[in-house]
């Protein structure tokens, strides 16, 4: 797993979190996906990769009043939910 120096400086902790407790940092409506079919293909590739090989890189999350908010990895979170996977490796970072 490769992390940028910027991310390393912001890490608070690394943990497994229940997927149902994670909140999308960017929640795109279905109409957005309909208008961007190339992104749907990328998502399907991500989903297939997670299904076959597991998640290679942890989600990056911050904590706010909504809970654990995914800042990096929203498509992976969507794939985990669709695949019925119940926990995810996460790096909790400080908001800057």
Protein backbone atom coordinates (compact mmCIF):
# COMPACT_ATOMS: atom_id res chain seq x y z
CA UNK A 1 0.00 0.00 0.00
CA UNK A 2 1.49 3.32 -1.06
CA UNK A 3 0.39 6.52 0.66
CA UNK A 4 1.35 10.05 -0.19
CA UNK A 5 3.49 12.03 2.25
CA UNK A 6 0.54 14.38 2.71
CA UNK A 7 -1.67 11.47 3.81
CA UNK A 8 0.98 10.04 6.13
CA UNK A 9 1.23 13.39 7.94
CA UNK A 10 -2.54 13.38 8.55
CA UNK A 11 -3.02 9.77 9.76
CA UNK A 12 -4.69 9.46 13.13
CA UNK A 13 -5.26 5.69 13.09
CA UNK A 14 -5.82 2.67 10.91
CA UNK A 15 -8.73 0.34 11.62
CA UNK A 16 -11.39 -2.00 10.31
CA UNK A 17 -14.78 -0.27 10.33
CA UNK A 18 -18.28 -1.59 9.65
CA UNK A 19 -19.24 -0.56 6.13
CA UNK A 20 -22.73 0.43 7.31
CA UNK A 21 -21.16 3.12 9.53
CA UNK A 22 -19.34 4.82 6.64
CA UNK A 23 -20.80 7.90 4.96
CA UNK A 24 -20.14 8.88 1.35
CA UNK A 25 -18.05 12.03 1.10
CA UNK A 26 -19.40 12.39 -2.44
CA UNK A 27 -22.78 10.84 -3.05
CA UNK A 28 -23.63 10.93 -6.72
CA UNK A 29 -27.25 10.44 -7.81
CA UNK A 30 -28.07 7.76 -10.37
CA UNK A 31 -28.55 10.51 -12.99
CA UNK A 32 -24.83 11.37 -12.70
CA UNK A 33 -23.86 7.76 -13.38
CA UNK A 34 -26.29 7.66 -16.33
CA UNK A 35 -24.58 10.73 -17.82
CA UNK A 36 -21.06 9.32 -17.31
CA UNK A 37 -21.04 5.74 -18.64
CA UNK A 38 -17.23 5.68 -18.71
CA UNK A 39 -17.25 6.13 -14.92
CA UNK A 40 -19.74 3.26 -14.59
CA UNK A 41 -17.24 1.02 -16.45
CA UNK A 42 -14.45 2.12 -14.08
CA UNK A 43 -16.73 1.37 -11.12
CA UNK A 44 -17.56 -2.10 -12.48
CA UNK A 45 -13.81 -2.81 -12.83
CA UNK A 46 -13.22 -1.69 -9.23
CA UNK A 47 -16.09 -3.84 -8.01
CA UNK A 48 -14.81 -6.90 -9.91
CA UNK A 49 -11.30 -6.37 -8.54
CA UNK A 50 -12.57 -6.18 -4.95
CA UNK A 51 -14.73 -9.27 -5.52
CA UNK A 52 -11.80 -11.30 -6.87
CA UNK A 53 -8.80 -9.91 -5.00
CA UNK A 54 -10.13 -7.96 -2.02
CA UNK A 55 -9.59 -4.29 -1.41
CA UNK A 56 -5.96 -3.41 -2.11
CA UNK A 57 -5.94 0.07 -0.59
CA UNK A 58 -7.76 1.25 2.55
CA UNK A 59 -10.43 3.91 2.43
CA UNK A 60 -9.36 7.31 3.75
CA UNK A 61 -11.92 8.70 6.17
CA UNK A 62 -12.35 11.71 8.41
CA UNK A 63 -14.72 12.06 11.34
CA UNK A 64 -17.39 14.74 11.60
CA UNK A 65 -20.93 15.07 12.96
CA UNK A 66 -22.16 12.61 10.30
CA UNK A 67 -19.69 9.94 11.45
CA UNK A 68 -16.87 8.37 9.43
CA UNK A 69 -16.87 10.22 6.09
CA UNK A 70 -15.07 8.63 3.13
CA UNK A 71 -12.80 11.27 1.60
CA UNK A 72 -10.89 8.90 -0.71
CA UNK A 73 -12.54 5.71 -1.94
CA UNK A 74 -16.22 6.46 -2.51
CA UNK A 75 -16.42 4.07 -5.48
CA UNK A 76 -14.80 1.35 -3.38
CA UNK A 77 -17.37 2.00 -0.64
CA UNK A 78 -20.18 1.67 -3.19
CA UNK A 79 -18.66 -1.61 -4.41
CA UNK A 80 -18.36 -2.95 -0.85
CA UNK A 81 -22.02 -2.17 -0.22
CA UNK A 82 -23.15 -3.79 -3.47
CA UNK A 83 -21.01 -6.87 -2.78
CA UNK A 84 -22.39 -7.24 0.75
CA UNK A 85 -18.97 -6.90 2.38
CA UNK A 86 -19.46 -5.84 5.99
CA UNK A 87 -16.10 -4.36 7.04
CA UNK A 88 -13.47 -2.19 5.38
CA UNK A 89 -9.88 -1.27 6.13
CA UNK A 90 -9.77 2.45 6.77
CA UNK A 91 -7.21 5.10 7.52
CA UNK A 92 -8.66 7.81 9.71
CA UNK A 93 -7.06 11.16 8.89
CA UNK A 94 -7.25 14.64 10.34
CA UNK A 95 -9.17 17.23 8.37
CA UNK A 96 -6.98 20.07 7.21
